Amino acid sequence: MPVLLTLLQANSLVASIQFVPSNKWEISTLEESIGSKRASAISSHLAHALLDSLSLSFVETKYALALNQYFRSAQTISEQRYQKNSAELAAFNAKYTHLSLDVSDFPIPSSRQQEGYVGAGLTHQDSRSFMAFRAFPVARRLADDNRSMIGETELILADIEFRVGLAQDNLGDIYVDKAMLYQMVSRVPVTQNVSNWSSSFNIGINRVLTGERKRKLIVQSEFGLGFTREVMQGLGVYSDIIVGAGANKSEAFVYAKPVIGLYAYTKLNSKLAVNLSRTYNQYGSDEPIDAASLSLHQYGFKDITLDFEVNIQKVADAYESSASFMLGYRF
């Protein structure tokens, strides 16, 4: 979509672009402004078509309009109650015709970076240093600035990652870390009135840590479900349960991985993310494999991405760590 909008604007095929927020976007955003207690009261009055007993501010009216439409589309209320609510809200709305919502502080979809990606950087892993490379033709990453979206989302096709050894004993050796056909993550926040499941799915080849502290390539497929909660604007927490299956030429196994984490957008136009997980039966390991990652993603560049990440994995009493820096170009 960003590519299409850019082409249309560059060739003067459109005079202007207007973005209309969805009901879910308005509900999630405006609920932060009016507070959970007031949102609960409005929700209850909408459910019973009793809005005439409320006094609504301009922002509360906009919230109630979006919630009323969402309730009807989800068939939470009848058509009769929806129409009665609409009539009451039209009367409230008529008092605020001189006002409008200002969403200029929110990033818009057309300002997002392009979808193709090539990146190069340095990785220090297993006490060795490597040149790291990554590329994919189409993607929306969790590492990207998702403030113009509802929640944190990822969709990546044909993701390739590999390393080239820099140490004397492995100079020039190539290690493939990932060749994923498809990766999807959707962490849509739960609000007081909108219960959204977060979900994830991937399939492809990935290099994982075994119980013997070796990194081996497997063919894997994972599916996850969970919940995401936005604590405040720009700060969210999530929890997922992921189940997967992996195999190579010698064996196959199934595994489970509970995950918790948080993300926070900073005043320096960057995003900090923390992810904790424990994997059971990965590569048939008798010991659970614990993992923690801390990443920082810097924004503000038109076609450039900057990513920093530290990972620590623990098997029994042994630890494995890695640190990486990646400079990417979006096209």
C-alpha atoms as a PDB file:
ATOM      1  CA  MET A   1       0.000   0.000   0.000  1.00  0.00           C
ATOM      2  CA  PRO A   2       2.736   2.598   0.754  1.00  0.00           C
ATOM      3  CA  VAL A   3       4.318   1.806  -2.633  1.00  0.00           C
ATOM      4  CA  LEU A   4       1.014   2.294  -4.467  1.00  0.00           C
ATOM      5  CA  LEU A   5       0.279   5.588  -2.700  1.00  0.00           C
ATOM      6  CA  THR A   6       3.761   6.873  -3.452  1.00  0.00           C
ATOM      7  CA  LEU A   7       3.399   6.053  -7.165  1.00  0.00           C
ATOM      8  CA  LEU A   8      -0.014   7.691  -7.371  1.00  0.00           C
ATOM      9  CA  GLN A   9       1.226  10.871  -5.718  1.00  0.00           C
ATOM     10  CA  ALA A  10       4.476  10.989  -7.699  1.00  0.00           C
ATOM     11  CA  ASN A  11       2.599  10.790 -11.004  1.00  0.00           C
ATOM     12  CA  SER A  12      -0.056  13.336  -9.967  1.00  0.00           C
ATOM     13  CA  LEU A  13      -2.826  10.781 -10.349  1.00  0.00           C
ATOM     14  CA  VAL A  14      -4.537  11.861  -7.138  1.00  0.00           C
ATOM     15  CA  ALA A  15      -5.131  15.373  -5.849  1.00  0.00           C
ATOM     16  CA  SER A  16      -5.247  14.419  -2.179  1.00  0.00           C
ATOM     17  CA  ILE A  17      -5.476  11.424   0.127  1.00  0.00           C
ATOM     18  CA  GLN A  18      -7.823  11.131   3.072  1.00  0.00           C
ATOM     19  CA  PHE A  19      -7.568   8.414   5.684  1.00  0.00           C
ATOM     20  CA  VAL A  20     -10.715   7.386   7.538  1.00  0.00           C
ATOM     21  CA  PRO A  21      -9.957   5.560  10.812  1.00  0.00           C
ATOM     22  CA  SER A  22     -11.749   2.287  11.459  1.00  0.00           C
ATOM     23  CA  ASN A  23     -14.146   1.800  14.342  1.00  0.00           C
ATOM     24  CA  LYS A  24     -11.609  -0.360  16.188  1.00  0.00           C
ATOM     25  CA  TRP A  25      -8.905   2.281  15.757  1.00  0.00           C
ATOM     26  CA  GLU A  26     -11.171   5.017  17.139  1.00  0.00           C
ATOM     27  CA  ILE A  27     -12.349   2.840  20.040  1.00  0.00           C
ATOM     28  CA  SER A  28      -8.817   1.866  21.035  1.00  0.00           C
ATOM     29  CA  THR A  29      -7.452   5.400  20.700  1.00  0.00           C
ATOM     30  CA  LEU A  30     -10.295   7.369  22.268  1.00  0.00           C
ATOM     31  CA  GLU A  31     -10.700   4.975  25.202  1.00  0.00           C
ATOM     32  CA  GLU A  32      -7.266   6.092  26.373  1.00  0.00           C
ATOM     33  CA  SER A  33      -8.518   9.691  26.475  1.00  0.00           C
ATOM     34  CA  ILE A  34     -11.795   9.159  28.282  1.00  0.00           C
ATOM     35  CA  GLY A  35     -10.655   6.508  30.777  1.00  0.00           C
ATOM     36  CA  SER A  36     -11.909   2.992  31.509  1.00  0.00           C
ATOM     37  CA  LYS A  37     -14.600   4.044  33.996  1.00  0.00           C
ATOM     38  CA  ARG A  38     -16.265   6.437  31.585  1.00  0.00           C
ATOM     39  CA  ALA A  39     -15.863   3.967  28.699  1.00  0.00           C
ATOM     40  CA  SER A  40     -17.644   1.314  30.768  1.00  0.00           C
ATOM     41  CA  ALA A  41     -20.545   3.678  31.485  1.00  0.00           C
ATOM     42  CA  ILE A  42     -20.944   4.578  27.803  1.00  0.00           C
ATOM     43  CA  SER A  43     -20.777   0.904  26.814  1.00  0.00           C
ATOM     44  CA  SER A  44     -23.481  -0.020  29.313  1.00  0.00           C
ATOM     45  CA  HIS A  45     -25.785   2.775  28.163  1.00  0.00           C
ATOM     46  CA  LEU A  46     -25.281   1.804  24.518  1.00  0.00           C
ATOM     47  CA  ALA A  47     -26.118  -1.826  25.273  1.00  0.00           C
ATOM     48  CA  HIS A  48     -29.444  -0.767  26.820  1.00  0.00           C
ATOM     49  CA  ALA A  49     -30.141   2.170  24.467  1.00  0.00           C
ATOM     50  CA  LEU A  50     -30.215   4.632  27.388  1.00  0.00           C
ATOM     51  CA  LEU A  51     -27.889   7.346  26.072  1.00  0.00           C
ATOM     52  CA  ASP A  52     -30.464  10.055  26.749  1.00  0.00           C
ATOM     53  CA  SER A  53     -29.570   9.778  30.441  1.00  0.00           C
ATOM     54  CA  LEU A  54     -25.915  10.624  29.758  1.00  0.00           C
ATOM     55  CA  SER A  55     -24.150  13.893  29.109  1.00  0.00           C
ATOM     56  CA  LEU A  56     -21.379  13.337  26.571  1.00  0.00           C
ATOM     57  CA  SER A  57     -18.400  15.506  25.723  1.00  0.00           C
ATOM     58  CA  PHE A  58     -17.173  15.826  22.150  1.00  0.00           C
ATOM     59  CA  VAL A  59     -14.568  13.055  22.499  1.00  0.00           C
ATOM     60  CA  GLU A  60     -17.032  10.824  24.339  1.00  0.00           C
ATOM     61  CA  THR A  61     -19.551  11.349  21.540  1.00  0.00           C
ATOM     62  CA  LYS A  62     -17.016  10.264  18.932  1.00  0.00           C
ATOM     63  CA  TYR A  63     -16.169   7.242  21.061  1.00  0.00           C
ATOM     64  CA  ALA A  64     -19.854   6.333  21.455  1.00  0.00           C
ATOM     65  CA  LEU A  65     -20.464   6.683  17.688  1.00  0.00           C
ATOM     66  CA  ALA A  66     -17.619   4.293  16.888  1.00  0.00           C
ATOM     67  CA  LEU A  67     -18.643   1.854  19.630  1.00  0.00           C
ATOM     68  CA  ASN A  68     -22.272   1.864  18.531  1.00  0.00           C
ATOM     69  CA  GLN A  69     -21.233   0.977  14.971  1.00  0.00           C
ATOM     70  CA  TYR A  70     -18.884  -1.721  16.214  1.00  0.00           C
ATOM     71  CA  PHE A  71     -21.545  -3.238  18.483  1.00  0.00           C
ATOM     72  CA  ARG A  72     -23.956  -3.450  15.539  1.00  0.00           C
ATOM     73  CA  SER A  73     -21.383  -4.983  13.166  1.00  0.00           C
ATOM     74  CA  ALA A  74     -20.532  -7.547  15.854  1.00  0.00           C
ATOM     75  CA  GLN A  75     -24.276  -8.107  16.433  1.00  0.00           C
ATOM     76  CA  THR A  76     -23.896  -7.242  20.104  1.00  0.00           C
ATOM     77  CA  ILE A  77     -26.964  -5.008  19.906  1.00  0.00           C
ATOM     78  CA  SER A  78     -30.124  -5.208  17.803  1.00  0.00           C
ATOM     79  CA  GLU A  79     -30.880  -2.979  14.838  1.00  0.00           C
ATOM     80  CA  GLN A  80     -33.582  -1.269  16.894  1.00  0.00           C
ATOM     81  CA  ARG A  81     -31.161  -0.351  19.689  1.00  0.00           C
ATOM     82  CA  TYR A  82     -28.550   0.707  17.154  1.00  0.00           C
ATOM     83  CA  GLN A  83     -30.993   3.100  15.486  1.00  0.00           C
ATOM     84  CA  LYS A  84     -32.157   4.508  18.829  1.00  0.00           C
ATOM     85  CA  ASN A  85     -28.527   5.075  19.877  1.00  0.00           C
ATOM     86  CA  SER A  86     -27.763   6.686  16.512  1.00  0.00           C
ATOM     87  CA  ALA A  87     -30.611   9.145  16.933  1.00  0.00           C
ATOM     88  CA  GLU A  88     -29.461  10.121  20.418  1.00  0.00           C
ATOM     89  CA  LEU A  89     -25.831  10.455  19.274  1.00  0.00           C
ATOM     90  CA  ALA A  90     -26.856  12.613  16.311  1.00  0.00           C
ATOM     91  CA  ALA A  91     -28.349  15.086  18.798  1.00  0.00           C
ATOM     92  CA  PHE A  92     -25.107  15.126  20.796  1.00  0.00           C
ATOM     93  CA  ASN A  93     -23.040  15.420  17.634  1.00  0.00           C
ATOM     94  CA  ALA A  94     -25.047  18.425  16.449  1.00  0.00           C
ATOM     95  CA  LYS A  95     -23.722  20.424  19.404  1.00  0.00           C
ATOM     96  CA  TYR A  96     -20.121  19.854  18.301  1.00  0.00           C
ATOM     97  CA  THR A  97     -20.231  20.643  14.582  1.00  0.00           C
ATOM     98  CA  HIS A  98     -17.542  23.294  15.116  1.00  0.00           C
ATOM     99  CA  LEU A  99     -15.109  20.692  16.505  1.00  0.00           C
ATOM    100  CA  SER A 100     -13.093  17.910  14.859  1.00  0.00           C
ATOM    101  CA  LEU A 101     -10.643  15.247  15.972  1.00  0.00           C
ATOM    102  CA  ASP A 102      -6.983  16.119  15.364  1.00  0.00           C
ATOM    103  CA  VAL A 103      -4.992  12.999  14.480  1.00  0.00           C
ATOM    104  CA  SER A 104      -2.025  14.863  13.008  1.00  0.00           C
ATOM    105  CA  ASP A 105       0.264  13.511  15.740  1.00  0.00           C
ATOM    106  CA  PHE A 106      -0.380   9.953  14.591  1.00  0.00           C
ATOM    107  CA  PRO A 107       1.700   8.487  11.734  1.00  0.00           C
ATOM    108  CA  ILE A 108      -0.393   7.784   8.630  1.00  0.00           C
ATOM    109  CA  PRO A 109      -0.041   4.650   6.448  1.00  0.00           C
ATOM    110  CA  SER A 110       1.385   6.587   3.476  1.00  0.00           C
ATOM    111  CA  SER A 111       4.315   7.746   5.643  1.00  0.00           C
ATOM    112  CA  ARG A 112       5.461   4.192   6.326  1.00  0.00           C
ATOM    113  CA  GLN A 113       8.642   2.866   4.803  1.00  0.00           C
ATOM    114  CA  GLN A 114       8.696   0.722   1.680  1.00  0.00           C
ATOM    115  CA  GLU A 115       8.162  -3.023   1.935  1.00  0.00           C
ATOM    116  CA  GLY A 116      11.326  -4.519   0.400  1.00  0.00           C
ATOM    117  CA  TYR A 117      14.382  -4.890   2.635  1.00  0.00           C
ATOM    118  CA  VAL A 118      18.094  -5.643   2.384  1.00  0.00           C
ATOM    119  CA  GLY A 119      20.325  -5.348   5.442  1.00  0.00           C
ATOM    120  CA  ALA A 120      23.878  -5.949   6.575  1.00  0.00           C
ATOM    121  CA  GLY A 121      25.553  -5.751   9.949  1.00  0.00           C
ATOM    122  CA  LEU A 122      27.677  -7.400  12.596  1.00  0.00           C
ATOM    123  CA  THR A 123      26.799 -10.248  14.934  1.00  0.00           C
ATOM    124  CA  HIS A 124      28.806 -11.567  17.866  1.00  0.00           C
ATOM    125  CA  GLN A 125      27.688 -15.109  18.654  1.00  0.00           C
ATOM    126  CA  ASP A 126      29.269 -18.053  20.442  1.00  0.00           C
ATOM    127  CA  SER A 127      32.392 -15.932  21.149  1.00  0.00           C
ATOM    128  CA  ARG A 128      32.824 -15.317  17.429  1.00  0.00           C
ATOM    129  CA  SER A 129      32.119 -12.378  15.137  1.00  0.00           C
ATOM    130  CA  PHE A 130      30.237 -12.582  11.848  1.00  0.00           C
ATOM    131  CA  MET A 131      29.018 -10.371   9.055  1.00  0.00           C
ATOM    132  CA  ALA A 132      25.241 -10.747   9.005  1.00  0.00           C
ATOM    133  CA  PHE A 133      22.910 -10.305   6.033  1.00  0.00           C
ATOM    134  CA  ARG A 134      19.130 -10.312   5.674  1.00  0.00           C
ATOM    135  CA  ALA A 135      16.751  -9.748   2.754  1.00  0.00           C
ATOM    136  CA  PHE A 136      13.068 -10.079   1.895  1.00  0.00           C
ATOM    137  CA  PRO A 137      10.979  -8.660  -0.955  1.00  0.00           C
ATOM    138  CA  VAL A 138       7.740  -7.945   0.934  1.00  0.00           C
ATOM    139  CA  ALA A 139       7.359  -7.275   4.625  1.00  0.00           C
ATOM    140  CA  ARG A 140       5.922  -5.459   7.557  1.00  0.00           C
ATOM    141  CA  ARG A 141       8.131  -6.172  10.578  1.00  0.00           C
ATOM    142  CA  LEU A 142       7.406  -6.110  14.284  1.00  0.00           C
ATOM    143  CA  ALA A 143      10.591  -4.044  14.419  1.00  0.00           C
ATOM    144  CA  ASP A 144       8.981  -1.357  12.247  1.00  0.00           C
ATOM    145  CA  ASP A 145       7.116   1.704  13.470  1.00  0.00           C
ATOM    146  CA  ASN A 146       3.588   0.343  13.912  1.00  0.00           C
ATOM    147  CA  ARG A 147       2.006   3.444  15.426  1.00  0.00           C
ATOM    148  CA  SER A 148      -0.162   3.943  12.327  1.00  0.00           C
ATOM    149  CA  MET A 149      -1.568   0.423  12.763  1.00  0.00           C
ATOM    150  CA  ILE A 150      -3.951  -1.153  15.252  1.00  0.00           C
ATOM    151  CA  GLY A 151      -1.444  -2.962  17.440  1.00  0.00           C
ATOM    152  CA  GLU A 152       1.887  -4.508  16.507  1.00  0.00           C
ATOM    153  CA  THR A 153       1.825  -6.468  13.263  1.00  0.00           C
ATOM    154  CA  GLU A 154       4.234  -8.427  11.103  1.00  0.00           C
ATOM    155  CA  LEU A 155       3.923 -10.017   7.668  1.00  0.00           C
ATOM    156  CA  ILE A 156       7.090 -11.228   5.946  1.00  0.00           C
ATOM    157  CA  LEU A 157       7.454 -13.325   2.803  1.00  0.00           C
ATOM    158  CA  ALA A 158      10.653 -15.122   1.698  1.00  0.00           C
ATOM    159  CA  ASP A 159      12.856 -14.001   4.613  1.00  0.00           C
ATOM    160  CA  ILE A 160      16.531 -14.982   4.214  1.00  0.00           C
ATOM    161  CA  GLU A 161      19.168 -14.535   6.941  1.00  0.00           C
ATOM    162  CA  PHE A 162      22.769 -15.755   6.845  1.00  0.00           C
ATOM    163  CA  ARG A 163      26.164 -15.048   8.421  1.00  0.00           C
ATOM    164  CA  VAL A 164      29.724 -15.051   7.111  1.00  0.00           C
ATOM    165  CA  GLY A 165      32.511 -15.999   9.540  1.00  0.00           C
ATOM    166  CA  LEU A 166      35.161 -13.409  10.402  1.00  0.00           C
ATOM    167  CA  ALA A 167      37.321 -15.428  12.814  1.00  0.00           C
ATOM    168  CA  GLN A 168      40.546 -17.017  11.644  1.00  0.00           C
ATOM    169  CA  ASP A 169      39.198 -20.567  11.915  1.00  0.00           C
ATOM    170  CA  ASN A 170      35.950 -19.865  10.014  1.00  0.00           C
ATOM    171  CA  LEU A 171      36.858 -16.936   7.782  1.00  0.00           C
ATOM    172  CA  GLY A 172      34.491 -16.842   4.829  1.00  0.00           C
ATOM    173  CA  ASP A 173      32.332 -19.735   6.047  1.00  0.00           C
ATOM    174  CA  ILE A 174      28.616 -19.175   5.380  1.00  0.00           C
ATOM    175  CA  TYR A 175      25.950 -20.101   7.930  1.00  0.00           C
ATOM    176  CA  VAL A 176      22.282 -19.970   6.935  1.00  0.00           C
ATOM    177  CA  ASP A 177      20.181 -18.966   9.964  1.00  0.00           C
ATOM    178  CA  LYS A 178      16.744 -18.598   8.428  1.00  0.00           C
ATOM    179  CA  ALA A 179      14.847 -19.206   5.194  1.00  0.00           C
ATOM    180  CA  MET A 180      11.241 -18.568   6.162  1.00  0.00           C
ATOM    181  CA  LEU A 181       8.549 -18.788   3.518  1.00  0.00           C
ATOM    182  CA  TYR A 182       5.927 -16.960   5.555  1.00  0.00           C
ATOM    183  CA  GLN A 183       5.828 -15.173   8.913  1.00  0.00           C
ATOM    184  CA  MET A 184       2.796 -13.466  10.420  1.00  0.00           C
ATOM    185  CA  VAL A 185       2.204 -11.842  13.815  1.00  0.00           C
ATOM    186  CA  SER A 186      -0.870  -9.831  14.809  1.00  0.00           C
ATOM    187  CA  ARG A 187      -0.845  -8.354  18.299  1.00  0.00           C
ATOM    188  CA  VAL A 188      -4.063  -6.359  18.410  1.00  0.00           C
ATOM    189  CA  PRO A 189      -4.658  -4.856  21.870  1.00  0.00           C
ATOM    190  CA  VAL A 190      -7.638  -5.896  23.935  1.00  0.00           C
ATOM    191  CA  THR A 191      -9.759  -2.931  24.983  1.00  0.00           C
ATOM    192  CA  GLN A 192     -12.604  -2.733  27.444  1.00  0.00           C
ATOM    193  CA  ASN A 193     -15.167  -3.319  24.710  1.00  0.00           C
ATOM    194  CA  VAL A 194     -13.187  -5.060  21.980  1.00  0.00           C
ATOM    195  CA  SER A 195     -11.734  -8.497  22.797  1.00  0.00           C
ATOM    196  CA  ASN A 196      -9.107  -9.314  20.194  1.00  0.00           C
ATOM    197  CA  TRP A 197      -7.034 -12.459  20.003  1.00  0.00           C
ATOM    198  CA  SER A 198      -3.392 -11.991  19.114  1.00  0.00           C
ATOM    199  CA  SER A 199      -2.116 -14.627  16.703  1.00  0.00           C
ATOM    200  CA  SER A 200       1.017 -15.766  14.906  1.00  0.00           C
ATOM    201  CA  PHE A 201       2.016 -18.287  12.270  1.00  0.00           C
ATOM    202  CA  ASN A 202       5.203 -19.148  10.412  1.00  0.00           C
ATOM    203  CA  ILE A 203       6.629 -21.845   8.197  1.00  0.00           C
ATOM    204  CA  GLY A 204      10.118 -22.329   6.827  1.00  0.00           C
ATOM    205  CA  ILE A 205      13.684 -23.235   7.803  1.00  0.00           C
ATOM    206  CA  ASN A 206      15.169 -21.916  11.041  1.00  0.00           C
ATOM    207  CA  ARG A 207      18.354 -22.486  13.049  1.00  0.00           C
ATOM    208  CA  VAL A 208      17.560 -23.376  16.676  1.00  0.00           C
ATOM    209  CA  LEU A 209      19.511 -24.224  19.809  1.00  0.00           C
ATOM    210  CA  THR A 210      19.391 -27.857  20.923  1.00  0.00           C
ATOM    211  CA  GLY A 211      19.672 -29.328  24.408  1.00  0.00           C
ATOM    212  CA  GLU A 212      23.320 -30.104  23.618  1.00  0.00           C
ATOM    213  CA  ARG A 213      23.948 -26.389  23.010  1.00  0.00           C
ATOM    214  CA  LYS A 214      24.355 -26.858  19.284  1.00  0.00           C
ATOM    215  CA  ARG A 215      22.644 -24.727  16.653  1.00  0.00           C
ATOM    216  CA  LYS A 216      20.984 -26.827  13.962  1.00  0.00           C
ATOM    217  CA  LEU A 217      18.722 -26.130  11.010  1.00  0.00           C
ATOM    218  CA  ILE A 218      15.182 -27.497  11.079  1.00  0.00           C
ATOM    219  CA  VAL A 219      12.048 -27.195   9.005  1.00  0.00           C
ATOM    220  CA  GLN A 220       9.476 -25.696  11.335  1.00  0.00           C
ATOM    221  CA  SER A 221       5.914 -24.491  11.489  1.00  0.00           C
ATOM    222  CA  GLU A 222       4.439 -22.589  14.448  1.00  0.00           C
ATOM    223  CA  PHE A 223       1.022 -21.322  15.448  1.00  0.00           C
ATOM    224  CA  GLY A 224       0.332 -19.060  18.423  1.00  0.00           C
ATOM    225  CA  LEU A 225      -2.570 -17.404  20.236  1.00  0.00           C
ATOM    226  CA  GLY A 226      -2.511 -14.805  22.996  1.00  0.00           C
ATOM    227  CA  PHE A 227      -3.554 -11.416  24.273  1.00  0.00           C
ATOM    228  CA  THR A 228      -2.053  -7.955  23.970  1.00  0.00           C
ATOM    229  CA  ARG A 229      -2.868  -5.062  26.266  1.00  0.00           C
ATOM    230  CA  GLU A 230      -1.885  -1.457  25.644  1.00  0.00           C
ATOM    231  CA  VAL A 231      -1.106  -0.066  29.095  1.00  0.00           C
ATOM    232  CA  MET A 232      -0.917   3.469  27.744  1.00  0.00           C
ATOM    233  CA  GLN A 233      -0.319   5.056  24.374  1.00  0.00           C
ATOM    234  CA  GLY A 234       2.916   3.635  22.993  1.00  0.00           C
ATOM    235  CA  LEU A 235       3.383   1.038  25.752  1.00  0.00           C
ATOM    236  CA  GLY A 236       2.023  -2.484  25.437  1.00  0.00           C
ATOM    237  CA  VAL A 237       2.416  -5.912  27.020  1.00  0.00           C
ATOM    238  CA  TYR A 238       1.565  -9.296  25.544  1.00  0.00           C
ATOM    239  CA  SER A 239       1.493 -13.013  26.265  1.00  0.00           C
ATOM    240  CA  ASP A 240       1.299 -15.862  23.754  1.00  0.00           C
ATOM    241  CA  ILE A 241       1.214 -19.642  23.752  1.00  0.00           C
ATOM    242  CA  ILE A 242       2.980 -21.035  20.699  1.00  0.00           C
ATOM    243  CA  VAL A 243       2.897 -24.653  19.561  1.00  0.00           C
ATOM    244  CA  GLY A 244       5.106 -25.903  16.774  1.00  0.00           C
ATOM    245  CA  ALA A 245       6.526 -28.851  14.913  1.00  0.00           C
ATOM    246  CA  GLY A 246      10.086 -29.232  13.692  1.00  0.00           C
ATOM    247  CA  ALA A 247      11.996 -31.793  11.692  1.00  0.00           C
ATOM    248  CA  ASN A 248      15.250 -32.509   9.923  1.00  0.00           C
ATOM    249  CA  LYS A 249      16.545 -35.573   8.099  1.00  0.00           C
ATOM    250  CA  SER A 250      17.124 -37.496  11.338  1.00  0.00           C
ATOM    251  CA  GLU A 251      14.126 -36.744  13.561  1.00  0.00           C
ATOM    252  CA  ALA A 252      10.860 -34.879  14.082  1.00  0.00           C
ATOM    253  CA  PHE A 253       9.402 -33.317  17.214  1.00  0.00           C
ATOM    254  CA  VAL A 254       6.643 -31.074  18.521  1.00  0.00           C
ATOM    255  CA  TYR A 255       7.202 -28.326  21.051  1.00  0.00           C
ATOM    256  CA  ALA A 256       5.420 -25.651  23.084  1.00  0.00           C
ATOM    257  CA  LYS A 257       6.603 -22.144  23.860  1.00  0.00           C
ATOM    258  CA  PRO A 258       4.920 -19.661  26.241  1.00  0.00           C
ATOM    259  CA  VAL A 259       5.987 -16.073  25.544  1.00  0.00           C
ATOM    260  CA  ILE A 260       5.621 -12.778  27.398  1.00  0.00           C
ATOM    261  CA  GLY A 261       6.945  -9.388  26.397  1.00  0.00           C
ATOM    262  CA  LEU A 262       6.515  -5.660  26.116  1.00  0.00           C
ATOM    263  CA  TYR A 263       7.139  -2.869  23.634  1.00  0.00           C
ATOM    264  CA  ALA A 264       7.556   0.831  24.301  1.00  0.00           C
ATOM    265  CA  TYR A 265       7.864   3.734  21.871  1.00  0.00           C
ATOM    266  CA  THR A 266      10.246   6.351  23.233  1.00  0.00           C
ATOM    267  CA  LYS A 267      10.434  10.125  22.932  1.00  0.00           C
ATOM    268  CA  LEU A 268      13.575   9.640  20.827  1.00  0.00           C
ATOM    269  CA  ASN A 269      11.434   8.184  17.989  1.00  0.00           C
ATOM    270  CA  SER A 270      12.519   4.631  18.653  1.00  0.00           C
ATOM    271  CA  LYS A 271      11.005   1.424  19.989  1.00  0.00           C
ATOM    272  CA  LEU A 272      12.328  -0.755  22.800  1.00  0.00           C
ATOM    273  CA  ALA A 273      11.134  -4.369  22.902  1.00  0.00           C
ATOM    274  CA  VAL A 274      11.646  -7.125  25.475  1.00  0.00           C
ATOM    275  CA  ASN A 275      10.707 -10.761  24.860  1.00  0.00           C
ATOM    276  CA  LEU A 276      10.932 -13.722  27.278  1.00  0.00           C
ATOM    277  CA  SER A 277      10.139 -17.320  26.345  1.00  0.00           C
ATOM    278  CA  ARG A 278      10.565 -20.913  27.500  1.00  0.00           C
ATOM    279  CA  THR A 279      10.523 -23.714  24.938  1.00  0.00           C
ATOM    280  CA  TYR A 280       9.660 -27.280  25.915  1.00  0.00           C
ATOM    281  CA  ASN A 281      10.913 -30.225  23.846  1.00  0.00           C
ATOM    282  CA  GLN A 282      12.756 -28.082  21.285  1.00  0.00           C
ATOM    283  CA  TYR A 283      14.726 -30.494  19.154  1.00  0.00           C
ATOM    284  CA  GLY A 284      13.594 -33.200  21.566  1.00  0.00           C
ATOM    285  CA  SER A 285      15.524 -31.605  24.432  1.00  0.00           C
ATOM    286  CA  ASP A 286      14.784 -32.932  27.929  1.00  0.00           C
ATOM    287  CA  GLU A 287      15.662 -29.507  29.326  1.00  0.00           C
ATOM    288  CA  PRO A 288      13.488 -26.428  28.646  1.00  0.00           C
ATOM    289  CA  ILE A 289      15.289 -23.706  26.727  1.00  0.00           C
ATOM    290  CA  ASP A 290      14.844 -20.221  28.158  1.00  0.00           C
ATOM    291  CA  ALA A 291      15.386 -17.179  25.963  1.00  0.00           C
ATOM    292  CA  ALA A 292      15.431 -13.433  26.579  1.00  0.00           C
ATOM    293  CA  SER A 293      15.872 -10.717  23.989  1.00  0.00           C
ATOM    294  CA  LEU A 294      16.231  -6.945  24.209  1.00  0.00           C
ATOM    295  CA  SER A 295      16.016  -4.912  21.015  1.00  0.00           C
ATOM    296  CA  LEU A 296      16.088  -1.250  20.057  1.00  0.00           C
ATOM    297  CA  HIS A 297      14.806   0.025  16.716  1.00  0.00           C
ATOM    298  CA  GLN A 298      15.560   3.590  15.666  1.00  0.00           C
ATOM    299  CA  TYR A 299      13.203   5.488  13.344  1.00  0.00           C
ATOM    300  CA  GLY A 300      13.272   8.845  11.608  1.00  0.00           C
ATOM    301  CA  PHE A 301      15.064   7.882   8.391  1.00  0.00           C
ATOM    302  CA  LYS A 302      13.164   7.731   5.112  1.00  0.00           C
ATOM    303  CA  ASP A 303      14.541   4.478   3.682  1.00  0.00           C
ATOM    304  CA  ILE A 304      17.004   3.392   6.381  1.00  0.00           C
ATOM    305  CA  THR A 305      16.452   1.073   9.367  1.00  0.00           C
ATOM    306  CA  LEU A 306      18.701   0.682  12.400  1.00  0.00           C
ATOM    307  CA  ASP A 307      18.259  -2.368  14.637  1.00  0.00           C
ATOM    308  CA  PHE A 308      20.172  -3.389  17.766  1.00  0.00           C
ATOM    309  CA  GLU A 309      19.489  -6.686  19.535  1.00  0.00           C
ATOM    310  CA  VAL A 310      20.872  -8.758  22.420  1.00  0.00           C
ATOM    311  CA  ASN A 311      19.778 -12.373  22.928  1.00  0.00           C
ATOM    312  CA  ILE A 312      20.485 -14.737  25.810  1.00  0.00           C
ATOM    313  CA  GLN A 313      19.495 -18.425  25.813  1.00  0.00           C
ATOM    314  CA  LYS A 314      19.809 -20.832  28.736  1.00  0.00           C
ATOM    315  CA  VAL A 315      19.895 -24.628  28.667  1.00  0.00           C
ATOM    316  CA  ALA A 316      20.181 -26.221  32.129  1.00  0.00           C
ATOM    317  CA  ASP A 317      22.970 -24.147  33.736  1.00  0.00           C
ATOM    318  CA  ALA A 318      24.665 -23.122  30.492  1.00  0.00           C
ATOM    319  CA  TYR A 319      24.151 -19.772  28.751  1.00  0.00           C
ATOM    320  CA  GLU A 320      24.526 -18.746  25.105  1.00  0.00           C
ATOM    321  CA  SER A 321      24.478 -15.093  24.102  1.00  0.00           C
ATOM    322  CA  SER A 322      24.569 -12.992  20.953  1.00  0.00           C
ATOM    323  CA  ALA A 323      24.541  -9.297  20.096  1.00  0.00           C
ATOM    324  CA  SER A 324      23.877  -7.762  16.702  1.00  0.00           C
ATOM    325  CA  PHE A 325      23.630  -4.484  14.832  1.00  0.00           C
ATOM    326  CA  MET A 326      21.888  -4.307  11.473  1.00  0.00           C
ATOM    327  CA  LEU A 327      21.713  -1.435   8.991  1.00  0.00           C
ATOM    328  CA  GLY A 328      18.918  -1.927   6.492  1.00  0.00           C
ATOM    329  CA  TYR A 329      17.599  -0.284   3.346  1.00  0.00           C
ATOM    330  CA  ARG A 330      13.870  -0.298   2.411  1.00  0.00           C
ATOM    331  CA  PHE A 331      12.891  -0.239  -1.236  1.00  0.00           C
END
